[in-house]
Amino acid sequence: MFMKRLFDIIFSFIGLVLLLPFFLTIGLLISLDSRGGIFYKQVRVGINGKDFLLLKFRSMRTDADKNGLLTVGGRDSRITRVGYFIRKYKLDELPQLINVLVGEMSLVGPRPEVRKYVNLYNNEQKMVLSVKPGITDYASIEYSNENELLGKAQNPEQVYIDEIMPAKLQLNLKYIAEQGMVTDFKIILNTLLKIVRVSSS
């Protein structure tokens, strides 16, 4: 655990320093594209069931949450023009390096969920709350097209609750069983490869 935390601190700090010009550019584009702040903050459930504020670059119009917590389809009408681009390449997730640096998240770990859906977990699924949530994991890679899957569903939330969420939680439990620095490096590499494939498609 000490090595994982040290790894998180070093690489999140380096990432924030190196990406600072990139952060400023994205922030400027978001400001020019639509009204509202640069960052989007949402309460998520972290380790041991404790709430924390997850940070993202804002990719939707202000108060979009009032129309549902799930993003449905690649062209959800709530997504801004700049938001579509940064979501496609996962750039909206970059501010979570701050969450990692302060110790609320890890670079690799189960993606943190909102309380509404965590309340539906069974006892086995609640085991995902025994580790720090992460920016990426097996489920993030496997369900990188989650928005498109939900966009094809007649009842997106029900499909998420009945099909996608349980499958993602099984992958989370797989990560917990296999966790270690080698596994983390493999997941980070596969995540980067996934983003490159999206970029070239």
C-alpha atoms as a PDB file:
ATOM      1  CA  MET A   1       0.000   0.000   0.000  1.00  0.00           C
ATOM      2  CA  PHE A   2       2.893   2.357   0.783  1.00  0.00           C
ATOM      3  CA  MET A   3       4.407   1.797  -2.668  1.00  0.00           C
ATOM      4  CA  LYS A   4       1.047   2.362  -4.371  1.00  0.00           C
ATOM      5  CA  ARG A   5       0.510   5.632  -2.503  1.00  0.00           C
ATOM      6  CA  LEU A   6       4.065   6.777  -3.272  1.00  0.00           C
ATOM      7  CA  PHE A   7       3.499   5.918  -6.940  1.00  0.00           C
ATOM      8  CA  ASP A   8       0.229   7.892  -6.917  1.00  0.00           C
ATOM      9  CA  ILE A   9       1.840  10.964  -5.326  1.00  0.00           C
ATOM     10  CA  ILE A  10       4.859  11.043  -7.649  1.00  0.00           C
ATOM     11  CA  PHE A  11       3.017  10.475 -10.911  1.00  0.00           C
ATOM     12  CA  SER A  12      -0.017  12.652 -10.132  1.00  0.00           C
ATOM     13  CA  PHE A  13       2.314  15.538  -9.185  1.00  0.00           C
ATOM     14  CA  ILE A  14       4.445  15.084 -12.327  1.00  0.00           C
ATOM     15  CA  GLY A  15       1.298  14.813 -14.418  1.00  0.00           C
ATOM     16  CA  LEU A  16      -0.177  18.022 -13.002  1.00  0.00           C
ATOM     17  CA  VAL A  17       3.066  19.952 -13.600  1.00  0.00           C
ATOM     18  CA  LEU A  18       3.577  18.687 -17.154  1.00  0.00           C
ATOM     19  CA  LEU A  19      -0.079  19.080 -18.109  1.00  0.00           C
ATOM     20  CA  LEU A  20      -0.531  22.587 -16.662  1.00  0.00           C
ATOM     21  CA  PRO A  21      -0.396  24.329 -20.089  1.00  0.00           C
ATOM     22  CA  PHE A  22      -2.845  21.725 -21.381  1.00  0.00           C
ATOM     23  CA  PHE A  23      -5.158  22.397 -18.398  1.00  0.00           C
ATOM     24  CA  LEU A  24      -5.099  26.127 -19.122  1.00  0.00           C
ATOM     25  CA  THR A  25      -5.905  25.546 -22.801  1.00  0.00           C
ATOM     26  CA  ILE A  26      -8.817  23.229 -22.041  1.00  0.00           C
ATOM     27  CA  GLY A  27     -10.097  25.633 -19.395  1.00  0.00           C
ATOM     28  CA  LEU A  28     -10.036  28.516 -21.879  1.00  0.00           C
ATOM     29  CA  LEU A  29     -11.873  26.475 -24.540  1.00  0.00           C
ATOM     30  CA  ILE A  30     -14.554  25.459 -22.025  1.00  0.00           C
ATOM     31  CA  SER A  31     -15.048  29.081 -20.971  1.00  0.00           C
ATOM     32  CA  LEU A  32     -15.383  30.265 -24.565  1.00  0.00           C
ATOM     33  CA  ASP A  33     -17.733  27.431 -25.530  1.00  0.00           C
ATOM     34  CA  SER A  34     -20.450  27.736 -22.866  1.00  0.00           C
ATOM     35  CA  ARG A  35     -21.440  29.493 -19.679  1.00  0.00           C
ATOM     36  CA  GLY A  36     -20.394  28.043 -16.350  1.00  0.00           C
ATOM     37  CA  GLY A  37     -17.257  27.082 -14.463  1.00  0.00           C
ATOM     38  CA  ILE A  38     -14.302  25.188 -15.881  1.00  0.00           C
ATOM     39  CA  PHE A  39     -14.593  22.334 -13.415  1.00  0.00           C
ATOM     40  CA  TYR A  40     -17.470  19.997 -12.667  1.00  0.00           C
ATOM     41  CA  LYS A  41     -17.699  18.647  -9.125  1.00  0.00           C
ATOM     42  CA  GLN A  42     -19.843  15.700  -8.138  1.00  0.00           C
ATOM     43  CA  VAL A  43     -20.194  13.833  -4.853  1.00  0.00           C
ATOM     44  CA  ARG A  44     -18.989  10.252  -5.279  1.00  0.00           C
ATOM     45  CA  VAL A  45     -18.525   7.420  -2.820  1.00  0.00           C
ATOM     46  CA  GLY A  46     -14.920   6.593  -1.947  1.00  0.00           C
ATOM     47  CA  ILE A  47     -13.049   4.138   0.229  1.00  0.00           C
ATOM     48  CA  ASN A  48     -14.997   2.841   3.236  1.00  0.00           C
ATOM     49  CA  GLY A  49     -18.152   4.457   1.859  1.00  0.00           C
ATOM     50  CA  LYS A  50     -17.006   8.026   2.509  1.00  0.00           C
ATOM     51  CA  ASP A  51     -18.207  10.778   0.182  1.00  0.00           C
ATOM     52  CA  PHE A  52     -15.758  13.040  -1.638  1.00  0.00           C
ATOM     53  CA  LEU A  53     -15.919  15.603  -4.442  1.00  0.00           C
ATOM     54  CA  LEU A  54     -14.746  14.143  -7.742  1.00  0.00           C
ATOM     55  CA  LEU A  55     -13.283  16.693 -10.155  1.00  0.00           C
ATOM     56  CA  LYS A  56     -13.714  16.785 -13.922  1.00  0.00           C
ATOM     57  CA  PHE A  57     -13.450  19.364 -16.640  1.00  0.00           C
ATOM     58  CA  ARG A  58     -17.001  20.487 -17.307  1.00  0.00           C
ATOM     59  CA  SER A  59     -18.243  18.832 -20.494  1.00  0.00           C
ATOM     60  CA  MET A  60     -21.975  19.491 -20.081  1.00  0.00           C
ATOM     61  CA  ARG A  61     -24.148  22.535 -19.785  1.00  0.00           C
ATOM     62  CA  THR A  62     -24.696  23.920 -16.291  1.00  0.00           C
ATOM     63  CA  ASP A  63     -27.234  22.010 -14.155  1.00  0.00           C
ATOM     64  CA  ALA A  64     -27.254  19.041 -16.588  1.00  0.00           C
ATOM     65  CA  ASP A  65     -27.530  16.684 -13.578  1.00  0.00           C
ATOM     66  CA  LYS A  66     -31.141  17.781 -13.119  1.00  0.00           C
ATOM     67  CA  ASN A  67     -31.998  15.764 -16.241  1.00  0.00           C
ATOM     68  CA  GLY A  68     -30.371  12.545 -15.022  1.00  0.00           C
ATOM     69  CA  LEU A  69     -27.068  11.240 -13.662  1.00  0.00           C
ATOM     70  CA  LEU A  70     -26.268   8.996 -16.634  1.00  0.00           C
ATOM     71  CA  THR A  71     -24.853  10.209 -19.938  1.00  0.00           C
ATOM     72  CA  VAL A  72     -26.853   8.619 -22.732  1.00  0.00           C
ATOM     73  CA  GLY A  73     -25.325   8.241 -26.181  1.00  0.00           C
ATOM     74  CA  GLY A  74     -22.262   9.865 -27.661  1.00  0.00           C
ATOM     75  CA  ARG A  75     -24.327  12.908 -28.661  1.00  0.00           C
ATOM     76  CA  ASP A  76     -26.238  13.562 -25.432  1.00  0.00           C
ATOM     77  CA  SER A  77     -27.829  16.983 -26.029  1.00  0.00           C
ATOM     78  CA  ARG A  78     -26.483  18.229 -22.692  1.00  0.00           C
ATOM     79  CA  ILE A  79     -22.866  17.820 -23.849  1.00  0.00           C
ATOM     80  CA  THR A  80     -21.167  20.963 -25.177  1.00  0.00           C
ATOM     81  CA  ARG A  81     -19.099  21.060 -28.378  1.00  0.00           C
ATOM     82  CA  VAL A  82     -15.819  21.165 -26.457  1.00  0.00           C
ATOM     83  CA  GLY A  83     -17.292  18.650 -24.011  1.00  0.00           C
ATOM     84  CA  TYR A  84     -17.810  16.094 -26.767  1.00  0.00           C
ATOM     85  CA  PHE A  85     -14.143  16.322 -27.749  1.00  0.00           C
ATOM     86  CA  ILE A  86     -12.686  16.101 -24.245  1.00  0.00           C
ATOM     87  CA  ARG A  87     -14.997  13.228 -23.308  1.00  0.00           C
ATOM     88  CA  LYS A  88     -14.068  11.262 -26.425  1.00  0.00           C
ATOM     89  CA  TYR A  89     -10.394  11.310 -25.462  1.00  0.00           C
ATOM     90  CA  LYS A  90     -11.035  11.077 -21.688  1.00  0.00           C
ATOM     91  CA  LEU A  91      -9.485  14.525 -21.165  1.00  0.00           C
ATOM     92  CA  ASP A  92     -12.356  15.483 -18.856  1.00  0.00           C
ATOM     93  CA  GLU A  93     -10.941  13.028 -16.313  1.00  0.00           C
ATOM     94  CA  LEU A  94      -7.535  14.746 -16.000  1.00  0.00           C
ATOM     95  CA  PRO A  95      -8.452  16.980 -12.998  1.00  0.00           C
ATOM     96  CA  GLN A  96      -8.832  13.768 -10.989  1.00  0.00           C
ATOM     97  CA  LEU A  97      -5.036  13.853 -10.721  1.00  0.00           C
ATOM     98  CA  ILE A  98      -5.795  16.405  -7.979  1.00  0.00           C
ATOM     99  CA  ASN A  99      -8.048  13.849  -6.252  1.00  0.00           C
ATOM    100  CA  VAL A 100      -5.170  11.380  -6.487  1.00  0.00           C
ATOM    101  CA  LEU A 101      -2.580  13.807  -5.135  1.00  0.00           C
ATOM    102  CA  VAL A 102      -4.647  14.641  -2.039  1.00  0.00           C
ATOM    103  CA  GLY A 103      -5.324  10.952  -1.368  1.00  0.00           C
ATOM    104  CA  GLU A 104      -9.024  10.648  -2.235  1.00  0.00           C
ATOM    105  CA  MET A 105      -8.347   8.488  -5.283  1.00  0.00           C
ATOM    106  CA  SER A 106      -5.647   6.342  -6.835  1.00  0.00           C
ATOM    107  CA  LEU A 107      -4.447   6.260 -10.434  1.00  0.00           C
ATOM    108  CA  VAL A 108      -5.852   2.731 -10.718  1.00  0.00           C
ATOM    109  CA  GLY A 109      -8.882   1.409  -8.867  1.00  0.00           C
ATOM    110  CA  PRO A 110     -12.643   0.911  -9.208  1.00  0.00           C
ATOM    111  CA  ARG A 111     -14.343   3.956 -10.674  1.00  0.00           C
ATOM    112  CA  PRO A 112     -16.221   5.834  -7.922  1.00  0.00           C
ATOM    113  CA  GLU A 113     -20.008   5.736  -8.147  1.00  0.00           C
ATOM    114  CA  VAL A 114     -22.694   8.161  -6.995  1.00  0.00           C
ATOM    115  CA  ARG A 115     -24.538   7.326  -3.756  1.00  0.00           C
ATOM    116  CA  LYS A 116     -27.810   6.570  -5.557  1.00  0.00           C
ATOM    117  CA  TYR A 117     -26.318   3.499  -7.222  1.00  0.00           C
ATOM    118  CA  VAL A 118     -24.003   2.479  -4.374  1.00  0.00           C
ATOM    119  CA  ASN A 119     -27.128   2.079  -2.241  1.00  0.00           C
ATOM    120  CA  LEU A 120     -28.134  -0.752  -4.597  1.00  0.00           C
ATOM    121  CA  TYR A 121     -24.946  -2.797  -4.037  1.00  0.00           C
ATOM    122  CA  ASN A 122     -25.260  -6.218  -2.416  1.00  0.00           C
ATOM    123  CA  ASN A 123     -22.808  -7.316   0.284  1.00  0.00           C
ATOM    124  CA  GLU A 124     -20.330  -8.811  -2.185  1.00  0.00           C
ATOM    125  CA  GLN A 125     -20.390  -5.728  -4.405  1.00  0.00           C
ATOM    126  CA  LYS A 126     -19.743  -3.463  -1.405  1.00  0.00           C
ATOM    127  CA  MET A 127     -16.233  -4.962  -1.293  1.00  0.00           C
ATOM    128  CA  VAL A 128     -15.257  -2.481  -4.005  1.00  0.00           C
ATOM    129  CA  LEU A 129     -15.465   0.189  -1.309  1.00  0.00           C
ATOM    130  CA  SER A 130     -12.589  -1.483   0.567  1.00  0.00           C
ATOM    131  CA  VAL A 131     -10.025   0.142  -1.765  1.00  0.00           C
ATOM    132  CA  LYS A 132      -9.518   3.670  -3.041  1.00  0.00           C
ATOM    133  CA  PRO A 133     -11.417   4.459  -6.222  1.00  0.00           C
ATOM    134  CA  GLY A 134      -9.312   5.141  -9.288  1.00  0.00           C
ATOM    135  CA  ILE A 135      -9.146   7.092 -12.522  1.00  0.00           C
ATOM    136  CA  THR A 136      -9.064   3.876 -14.545  1.00  0.00           C
ATOM    137  CA  ASP A 137      -9.584   0.138 -14.072  1.00  0.00           C
ATOM    138  CA  TYR A 138     -10.637  -3.012 -15.930  1.00  0.00           C
ATOM    139  CA  ALA A 139     -14.241  -1.777 -16.150  1.00  0.00           C
ATOM    140  CA  SER A 140     -13.213   1.599 -17.603  1.00  0.00           C
ATOM    141  CA  ILE A 141     -11.443  -0.191 -20.435  1.00  0.00           C
ATOM    142  CA  GLU A 142     -14.153  -2.795 -21.039  1.00  0.00           C
ATOM    143  CA  TYR A 143     -16.997  -0.265 -20.944  1.00  0.00           C
ATOM    144  CA  SER A 144     -15.334   2.694 -22.642  1.00  0.00           C
ATOM    145  CA  ASN A 145     -18.386   2.763 -24.939  1.00  0.00           C
ATOM    146  CA  GLU A 146     -20.903   2.773 -22.068  1.00  0.00           C
ATOM    147  CA  ASN A 147     -22.570   5.984 -23.262  1.00  0.00           C
ATOM    148  CA  GLU A 148     -23.294   4.447 -26.662  1.00  0.00           C
ATOM    149  CA  LEU A 149     -24.694   1.267 -25.068  1.00  0.00           C
ATOM    150  CA  LEU A 150     -27.049   3.330 -22.927  1.00  0.00           C
ATOM    151  CA  GLY A 151     -28.008   5.425 -25.942  1.00  0.00           C
ATOM    152  CA  LYS A 152     -29.424   2.318 -27.633  1.00  0.00           C
ATOM    153  CA  ALA A 153     -31.521   1.287 -24.613  1.00  0.00           C
ATOM    154  CA  GLN A 154     -35.224   2.069 -24.240  1.00  0.00           C
ATOM    155  CA  ASN A 155     -34.733   2.494 -20.490  1.00  0.00           C
ATOM    156  CA  PRO A 156     -31.058   3.506 -20.016  1.00  0.00           C
ATOM    157  CA  GLU A 157     -31.115   3.657 -16.225  1.00  0.00           C
ATOM    158  CA  GLN A 158     -32.685   0.207 -15.884  1.00  0.00           C
ATOM    159  CA  VAL A 159     -30.146  -1.257 -18.304  1.00  0.00           C
ATOM    160  CA  TYR A 160     -27.368   0.373 -16.293  1.00  0.00           C
ATOM    161  CA  ILE A 161     -28.676  -0.994 -12.986  1.00  0.00           C
ATOM    162  CA  ASP A 162     -29.552  -4.492 -14.235  1.00  0.00           C
ATOM    163  CA  GLU A 163     -26.760  -5.172 -16.719  1.00  0.00           C
ATOM    164  CA  ILE A 164     -23.871  -2.715 -16.917  1.00  0.00           C
ATOM    165  CA  MET A 165     -23.341  -1.896 -13.237  1.00  0.00           C
ATOM    166  CA  PRO A 166     -23.220  -5.567 -12.083  1.00  0.00           C
ATOM    167  CA  ALA A 167     -20.774  -6.424 -14.898  1.00  0.00           C
ATOM    168  CA  LYS A 168     -18.542  -3.484 -13.989  1.00  0.00           C
ATOM    169  CA  LEU A 169     -18.613  -4.421 -10.322  1.00  0.00           C
ATOM    170  CA  GLN A 170     -17.486  -7.958 -11.190  1.00  0.00           C
ATOM    171  CA  LEU A 171     -14.517  -6.446 -13.009  1.00  0.00           C
ATOM    172  CA  ASN A 172     -13.868  -4.244  -9.954  1.00  0.00           C
ATOM    173  CA  LEU A 173     -13.787  -7.346  -7.750  1.00  0.00           C
ATOM    174  CA  LYS A 174     -11.407  -8.978 -10.236  1.00  0.00           C
ATOM    175  CA  TYR A 175      -9.098  -5.993  -9.852  1.00  0.00           C
ATOM    176  CA  ILE A 176      -9.196  -6.221  -6.054  1.00  0.00           C
ATOM    177  CA  ALA A 177      -8.271  -9.922  -6.232  1.00  0.00           C
ATOM    178  CA  GLU A 178      -5.364  -9.216  -8.604  1.00  0.00           C
ATOM    179  CA  GLN A 179      -4.250  -5.777  -7.396  1.00  0.00           C
ATOM    180  CA  GLY A 180      -0.556  -4.994  -7.316  1.00  0.00           C
ATOM    181  CA  MET A 181       1.931  -2.733  -9.095  1.00  0.00           C
ATOM    182  CA  VAL A 182       2.221  -5.082 -12.087  1.00  0.00           C
ATOM    183  CA  THR A 183      -1.569  -5.120 -12.505  1.00  0.00           C
ATOM    184  CA  ASP A 184      -1.704  -1.324 -12.175  1.00  0.00           C
ATOM    185  CA  PHE A 185       0.954  -0.817 -14.855  1.00  0.00           C
ATOM    186  CA  LYS A 186      -0.899  -3.206 -17.162  1.00  0.00           C
ATOM    187  CA  ILE A 187      -4.183  -1.326 -16.698  1.00  0.00           C
ATOM    188  CA  ILE A 188      -2.554   2.080 -17.254  1.00  0.00           C
ATOM    189  CA  LEU A 189      -0.892   0.807 -20.444  1.00  0.00           C
ATOM    190  CA  ASN A 190      -4.139  -0.727 -21.739  1.00  0.00           C
ATOM    191  CA  THR A 191      -6.000   2.504 -20.958  1.00  0.00           C
ATOM    192  CA  LEU A 192      -3.502   4.560 -22.965  1.00  0.00           C
ATOM    193  CA  LEU A 193      -3.690   2.076 -25.859  1.00  0.00           C
ATOM    194  CA  LYS A 194      -7.494   2.328 -25.792  1.00  0.00           C
ATOM    195  CA  ILE A 195      -7.316   6.124 -26.035  1.00  0.00           C
ATOM    196  CA  VAL A 196      -4.835   5.875 -28.935  1.00  0.00           C
ATOM    197  CA  ARG A 197      -7.183   3.497 -30.780  1.00  0.00           C
ATOM    198  CA  VAL A 198     -10.062   5.952 -30.309  1.00  0.00           C
ATOM    199  CA  SER A 199      -7.851   8.775 -31.613  1.00  0.00           C
ATOM    200  CA  SER A 200      -6.979   6.843 -34.772  1.00  0.00           C
ATOM    201  CA  SER A 201     -10.526   5.660 -35.499  1.00  0.00           C
END
